[in-house]
Amino acid sequence: MKTRVLSVLLAASVIWASVVTYLYWQLKNNPRVVAVTIDAGKESLQNIQMGEMERMTFLRQYLERFFNYDSNNFWQSQTSLAFLMAPKLGEERIREVSRLREKVQQKNMSQIGRLISLKLLSDGSYKALLQLQITEDTQKNQLFATTQIRLNTTERSLENPWGLVVSEMKFTGTTPQEPAFPAQVFASHQNPTLLTFPCAIENIENPREQDLKIKITTLNISELQITAAKTFSGSAALIAICKDREFKFEISADGKERDLFAAFPATAGSERRRETVPAKAKKKDIYEKTIENVLGIEIDN
């Protein structure tokens, strides 16, 4: 009896090993079979979102390098931008920098640029609003500049790891007056929106958690990455809460322009409300929700 049982187990083991070996070779010789478990629609949407995030990262890096320089690094910093421009625009920039080189280097000047907002327009171009702090000797001036940019793709390289170039860049306006900051953000499920706040956010009041997914990173300032689901429509009123201030803003699905980035100034906030009613059961804060969203787990209260 014992011998028969061992024989049956041995035969079963041989059959199991044969089946596993056969499936392994099928998978190795035909790797396309692994794709049957992938949600093509979800993968496509994720690729689109990653592509848009890369474009936004490229634009932020490009604008930071374009608008930040001083007398000592003007030539080097500005000519290196040619790697991030289409050939024609790069040549024009080098000629312009060459013309201004001696004049800038003879002065004790610097320019600091800070991106305030970045929008995707209906024609596929991007509109950026920047705050410029220009210092010459002891004199300081502040300007707000608006520029419109178009992008093209190119081969990735050591100098340009994004594989993107600016094909067109034109200034559409400058003013010494600070524009009013709109408390309305236009979001899209294809274009994640990044918001920054001048303080460490402790929590977010989000009444549409199923439709608006939020990830947060924070240090001295906080960044919120907001992604609207396909089910999101209309608008939602959110509140970002810091230790002493809170920022009320609206996320809307309507509008031809899409907000990719917005830096909230301190003046856009108000003094934080203090609760006087008895505390209710503890709700999950934005950090716990971010962990759940990223790791796909649920944290118990």
Protein backbone atom coordinates (compact mmCIF):
# COMPACT_ATOMS: atom_id res chain seq x y z
CA MET A 1 0.00 0.00 0.00
CA LYS A 2 2.78 2.38 0.95
CA THR A 3 4.63 1.59 -2.26
CA ARG A 4 1.49 2.30 -4.31
CA VAL A 5 0.98 5.69 -2.62
CA LEU A 6 4.58 6.66 -3.28
CA SER A 7 4.21 5.63 -6.91
CA VAL A 8 1.08 7.77 -7.30
CA LEU A 9 2.79 10.78 -5.69
CA LEU A 10 5.83 10.34 -7.91
CA ALA A 11 3.66 10.16 -11.02
CA ALA A 12 1.73 13.28 -9.97
CA SER A 13 4.99 15.14 -9.34
CA VAL A 14 6.29 14.21 -12.79
CA ILE A 15 3.06 15.38 -14.44
CA TRP A 16 3.09 18.67 -12.46
CA ALA A 17 6.73 19.31 -13.36
CA SER A 18 5.99 18.59 -17.03
CA VAL A 19 3.06 21.03 -17.08
CA VAL A 20 5.08 23.78 -15.37
CA THR A 21 8.00 23.24 -17.76
CA TYR A 22 5.67 23.37 -20.77
CA LEU A 23 4.04 26.61 -19.57
CA TYR A 24 7.45 28.13 -18.85
CA TRP A 25 8.68 27.47 -22.38
CA GLN A 26 5.42 28.74 -23.84
CA LEU A 27 5.81 31.95 -21.87
CA LYS A 28 9.47 32.31 -22.79
CA ASN A 29 8.89 31.76 -26.50
CA ASN A 30 5.69 33.82 -26.62
CA PRO A 31 5.95 36.63 -24.04
CA ARG A 32 2.85 38.32 -25.40
CA VAL A 33 0.70 36.06 -23.23
CA VAL A 34 1.60 38.16 -20.17
CA ALA A 35 -0.37 41.05 -21.61
CA VAL A 36 -3.73 39.34 -21.15
CA THR A 37 -3.93 40.51 -17.51
CA ILE A 38 -3.20 44.19 -18.26
CA ASP A 39 -6.03 46.70 -18.40
CA ALA A 40 -5.16 48.39 -21.69
CA GLY A 41 -7.32 51.43 -21.00
CA LYS A 42 -5.81 51.99 -17.57
CA GLU A 43 -2.27 51.49 -18.87
CA SER A 44 -2.91 53.98 -21.69
CA LEU A 45 -4.26 56.58 -19.25
CA GLN A 46 -1.27 56.11 -16.93
CA ASN A 47 1.10 56.59 -19.87
CA ILE A 48 -0.70 59.80 -20.85
CA GLN A 49 -0.52 61.10 -17.27
CA MET A 50 3.18 60.23 -17.00
CA GLY A 51 3.83 61.97 -20.32
CA GLU A 52 2.07 65.12 -19.16
CA MET A 53 3.94 65.09 -15.84
CA GLU A 54 7.22 64.80 -17.76
CA ARG A 55 6.24 67.75 -19.94
CA MET A 56 5.40 69.81 -16.87
CA THR A 57 8.71 68.86 -15.23
CA PHE A 58 10.57 69.84 -18.41
CA LEU A 59 8.80 73.21 -18.59
CA ARG A 60 9.48 73.98 -14.93
CA GLN A 61 13.17 73.16 -15.35
CA TYR A 62 13.42 75.12 -18.59
CA LEU A 63 11.71 78.23 -17.20
CA GLU A 64 13.81 78.13 -14.04
CA ARG A 65 17.02 78.07 -16.09
CA PHE A 66 15.78 80.71 -18.55
CA PHE A 67 14.80 83.28 -15.93
CA ASN A 68 17.47 82.74 -13.25
CA TYR A 69 20.96 84.12 -13.81
CA ASP A 70 23.47 86.73 -12.64
CA SER A 71 26.37 88.66 -14.16
CA ASN A 72 28.82 85.82 -13.54
CA ASN A 73 26.89 82.91 -15.04
CA PHE A 74 24.79 84.71 -17.67
CA TRP A 75 26.71 83.43 -20.71
CA GLN A 76 27.08 79.84 -19.55
CA SER A 77 23.56 79.41 -18.18
CA GLN A 78 21.80 80.97 -21.14
CA THR A 79 23.78 79.34 -23.96
CA SER A 80 23.27 75.91 -22.36
CA LEU A 81 19.54 76.40 -22.95
CA ALA A 82 20.15 75.82 -26.66
CA PHE A 83 20.07 72.06 -25.93
CA LEU A 84 16.46 72.48 -24.78
CA MET A 85 15.38 74.49 -27.83
CA ALA A 86 14.63 73.64 -31.44
CA PRO A 87 17.67 74.47 -33.64
CA LYS A 88 16.28 77.72 -35.04
CA LEU A 89 15.17 79.04 -31.65
CA GLY A 90 18.45 77.93 -30.07
CA GLU A 91 20.48 79.86 -32.64
CA GLU A 92 18.37 82.96 -32.05
CA ARG A 93 18.89 82.67 -28.29
CA ILE A 94 22.67 82.33 -28.64
CA ARG A 95 22.79 85.43 -30.87
CA GLU A 96 20.71 87.38 -28.34
CA VAL A 97 22.89 86.27 -25.42
CA SER A 98 26.05 87.12 -27.37
CA ARG A 99 24.69 90.61 -28.01
CA LEU A 100 23.91 91.16 -24.30
CA ARG A 101 26.91 89.33 -22.84
CA GLU A 102 29.30 92.23 -22.36
CA LYS A 103 26.59 94.58 -21.13
CA VAL A 104 25.33 92.13 -18.50
CA GLN A 105 28.78 91.07 -17.30
CA GLN A 106 29.85 94.68 -16.76
CA LYS A 107 26.98 95.19 -14.33
CA ASN A 108 26.41 93.80 -10.87
CA MET A 109 23.01 92.34 -11.60
CA SER A 110 20.94 89.25 -11.04
CA GLN A 111 17.49 87.99 -11.94
CA ILE A 112 15.42 85.53 -9.95
CA GLY A 113 12.37 84.03 -11.61
CA ARG A 114 9.61 82.13 -9.82
CA LEU A 115 6.91 80.22 -11.66
CA ILE A 116 3.42 81.19 -10.48
CA SER A 117 1.21 79.28 -12.88
CA LEU A 118 1.39 77.00 -15.89
CA LYS A 119 -1.61 76.27 -18.11
CA LEU A 120 -2.26 73.96 -21.06
CA LEU A 121 -4.21 75.89 -23.69
CA SER A 122 -6.79 74.49 -26.09
CA ASP A 123 -4.38 74.75 -29.05
CA GLY A 124 -1.79 72.55 -27.32
CA SER A 125 0.54 75.37 -26.29
CA TYR A 126 1.44 76.34 -22.72
CA LYS A 127 1.05 79.66 -20.93
CA ALA A 128 3.32 80.49 -18.00
CA LEU A 129 3.14 83.37 -15.53
CA LEU A 130 6.36 84.22 -13.68
CA GLN A 131 7.42 86.65 -10.98
CA LEU A 132 10.79 88.27 -11.75
CA GLN A 133 12.99 89.94 -9.14
CA ILE A 134 15.65 92.00 -10.95
CA THR A 135 18.51 93.45 -8.90
CA GLU A 136 21.10 95.87 -10.26
CA ASP A 137 23.57 97.12 -7.65
CA THR A 138 21.25 98.22 -4.84
CA GLN A 139 18.20 98.81 -7.01
CA LYS A 140 15.48 96.17 -7.08
CA ASN A 141 12.55 95.88 -9.46
CA GLN A 142 9.73 93.40 -9.67
CA LEU A 143 7.96 92.33 -12.84
CA PHE A 144 5.34 89.75 -13.73
CA ALA A 145 5.86 88.22 -17.16
CA THR A 146 3.59 86.00 -19.25
CA THR A 147 5.01 83.76 -21.95
CA GLN A 148 3.49 81.26 -24.36
CA ILE A 149 5.46 78.13 -25.29
CA ARG A 150 5.14 75.31 -27.80
CA LEU A 151 6.97 72.00 -27.50
CA ASN A 152 8.26 69.42 -29.95
CA THR A 153 9.78 66.01 -29.33
CA THR A 154 13.40 65.07 -30.03
CA GLU A 155 15.84 62.30 -29.20
CA ARG A 156 16.84 62.01 -25.56
CA SER A 157 20.43 62.87 -24.74
CA LEU A 158 22.71 63.57 -21.80
CA GLU A 159 22.03 67.30 -22.17
CA ASN A 160 18.30 66.77 -22.77
CA PRO A 161 17.02 63.67 -20.91
CA TRP A 162 13.36 64.66 -21.45
CA GLY A 163 13.35 64.30 -25.22
CA LEU A 164 11.48 67.61 -25.52
CA VAL A 165 12.46 70.98 -27.00
CA VAL A 166 10.90 74.43 -27.00
CA SER A 167 10.01 75.20 -30.62
CA GLU A 168 8.37 78.57 -29.98
CA MET A 169 8.50 81.05 -27.10
CA LYS A 170 6.97 84.49 -27.11
CA PHE A 171 6.28 87.03 -24.38
CA THR A 172 2.67 88.12 -24.28
CA GLY A 173 2.88 90.71 -21.52
CA THR A 174 4.80 92.20 -18.59
CA THR A 175 3.53 94.30 -15.71
CA PRO A 176 4.89 95.56 -12.37
CA GLN A 177 1.49 94.91 -10.79
CA GLU A 178 0.90 91.52 -9.22
CA PRO A 179 -2.05 89.83 -10.98
CA ALA A 180 -4.97 88.70 -8.86
CA PHE A 181 -4.56 85.06 -7.92
CA PRO A 182 -7.59 83.00 -9.03
CA ALA A 183 -8.84 80.51 -6.46
CA GLN A 184 -10.22 78.27 -9.20
CA VAL A 185 -8.25 75.41 -10.75
CA PHE A 186 -9.30 73.62 -13.94
CA ALA A 187 -8.38 69.94 -13.79
CA SER A 188 -8.46 66.99 -16.21
CA HIS A 189 -8.12 63.23 -15.77
CA GLN A 190 -5.41 63.28 -18.46
CA ASN A 191 -3.44 66.17 -16.94
CA PRO A 192 -2.52 65.91 -13.24
CA THR A 193 -2.44 69.30 -11.53
CA LEU A 194 0.35 70.29 -9.14
CA LEU A 195 -0.37 72.94 -6.49
CA THR A 196 2.19 74.37 -4.06
CA PHE A 197 1.47 76.16 -0.80
CA PRO A 198 3.83 78.37 1.28
CA CYS A 199 3.37 76.29 4.44
CA ALA A 200 3.26 72.69 5.61
CA ILE A 201 -0.25 71.36 5.02
CA GLU A 202 -1.69 69.36 7.88
CA ASN A 203 -4.87 68.22 6.18
CA ILE A 204 -7.12 68.62 3.13
CA GLU A 205 -10.90 68.86 3.19
CA ASN A 206 -11.96 67.10 -0.01
CA PRO A 207 -15.70 66.40 -0.40
CA ARG A 208 -15.14 64.48 -3.67
CA GLU A 209 -12.55 61.92 -2.61
CA GLN A 210 -13.80 59.33 -5.11
CA ASP A 211 -13.47 61.77 -8.00
CA LEU A 212 -10.37 63.72 -6.94
CA LYS A 213 -7.26 61.76 -5.95
CA ILE A 214 -4.66 63.75 -4.02
CA LYS A 215 -1.02 62.95 -3.27
CA ILE A 216 0.98 65.23 -0.98
CA THR A 217 4.65 65.88 -0.34
CA THR A 218 5.68 68.42 2.26
CA LEU A 219 8.69 69.98 3.94
CA ASN A 220 8.66 73.73 4.60
CA ILE A 221 6.17 74.03 1.76
CA SER A 222 3.66 71.49 0.49
CA GLU A 223 2.93 70.16 -2.98
CA LEU A 224 -0.39 68.59 -3.89
CA GLN A 225 -0.76 66.44 -7.00
CA ILE A 226 -4.45 66.32 -7.90
CA THR A 227 -5.80 63.90 -10.49
CA ALA A 228 -9.44 64.05 -11.54
CA ALA A 229 -11.20 60.78 -12.32
CA LYS A 230 -13.25 60.38 -15.49
CA THR A 231 -16.34 60.53 -13.28
CA PHE A 232 -15.47 64.04 -12.08
CA SER A 233 -17.78 66.76 -13.37
CA GLY A 234 -18.89 70.19 -12.25
CA SER A 235 -16.75 71.58 -9.44
CA ALA A 236 -15.68 70.89 -5.87
CA ALA A 237 -14.64 73.25 -3.05
CA LEU A 238 -11.48 72.16 -1.21
CA ILE A 239 -9.63 73.56 1.80
CA ALA A 240 -5.90 73.09 2.41
CA ILE A 241 -5.20 73.52 6.12
CA CYS A 242 -1.83 74.59 7.56
CA LYS A 243 -0.97 75.27 11.20
CA ASP A 244 -2.10 78.91 11.20
CA ARG A 245 -3.62 79.45 7.76
CA GLU A 246 -6.03 77.75 5.40
CA PHE A 247 -6.48 78.04 1.66
CA LYS A 248 -9.88 77.69 0.03
CA PHE A 249 -9.98 76.87 -3.66
CA GLU A 250 -12.22 75.27 -6.25
CA ILE A 251 -11.43 72.42 -8.61
CA SER A 252 -13.49 72.58 -11.80
CA ALA A 253 -13.88 70.24 -14.75
CA ASP A 254 -15.17 73.02 -17.01
CA GLY A 255 -12.95 75.33 -19.02
CA LYS A 256 -10.90 75.25 -22.20
CA GLU A 257 -7.63 75.87 -20.32
CA ARG A 258 -6.16 73.25 -17.99
CA ASP A 259 -4.09 74.19 -14.96
CA LEU A 260 -0.92 72.12 -14.73
CA PHE A 261 0.78 74.10 -11.97
CA ALA A 262 -0.13 76.89 -9.56
CA ALA A 263 1.85 78.33 -6.64
CA PHE A 264 -0.48 79.73 -4.00
CA PRO A 265 0.89 82.90 -2.37
CA ALA A 266 0.48 83.47 1.36
CA THR A 267 -1.98 86.26 0.59
CA ALA A 268 -4.37 83.71 -0.96
CA GLY A 269 -4.94 82.17 2.47
CA SER A 270 -6.81 83.28 5.55
CA GLU A 271 -6.48 82.70 9.27
CA ARG A 272 -7.25 79.12 10.17
CA ARG A 273 -10.61 78.37 11.71
CA ARG A 274 -10.56 76.95 15.21
CA GLU A 275 -13.14 74.31 16.06
CA THR A 276 -15.17 74.96 19.19
CA VAL A 277 -17.51 71.97 18.91
CA PRO A 278 -16.63 68.67 20.61
CA ALA A 279 -14.24 66.63 18.51
CA LYS A 280 -15.81 63.83 16.51
CA ALA A 281 -14.26 60.49 15.66
CA LYS A 282 -10.83 61.01 14.12
CA LYS A 283 -10.83 61.16 10.34
CA LYS A 284 -7.94 60.09 8.17
CA ASP A 285 -5.68 62.99 7.29
CA ILE A 286 -4.20 63.71 3.87
CA TYR A 287 -0.97 61.85 4.65
CA GLU A 288 -2.79 58.63 5.56
CA LYS A 289 -4.91 58.96 2.41
CA THR A 290 -1.79 59.49 0.29
CA ILE A 291 -0.20 56.33 1.72
CA GLU A 292 -3.40 54.37 1.01
CA ASN A 293 -3.55 55.74 -2.53
CA VAL A 294 0.10 54.99 -3.34
CA LEU A 295 0.38 51.58 -1.64
CA GLY A 296 -3.18 50.39 -2.27
CA ILE A 297 -3.81 49.58 1.39
CA GLU A 298 -6.29 50.71 4.01
CA ILE A 299 -5.11 52.19 7.30
CA ASP A 300 -7.26 51.51 10.35
CA ASN A 301 -8.22 54.47 12.52
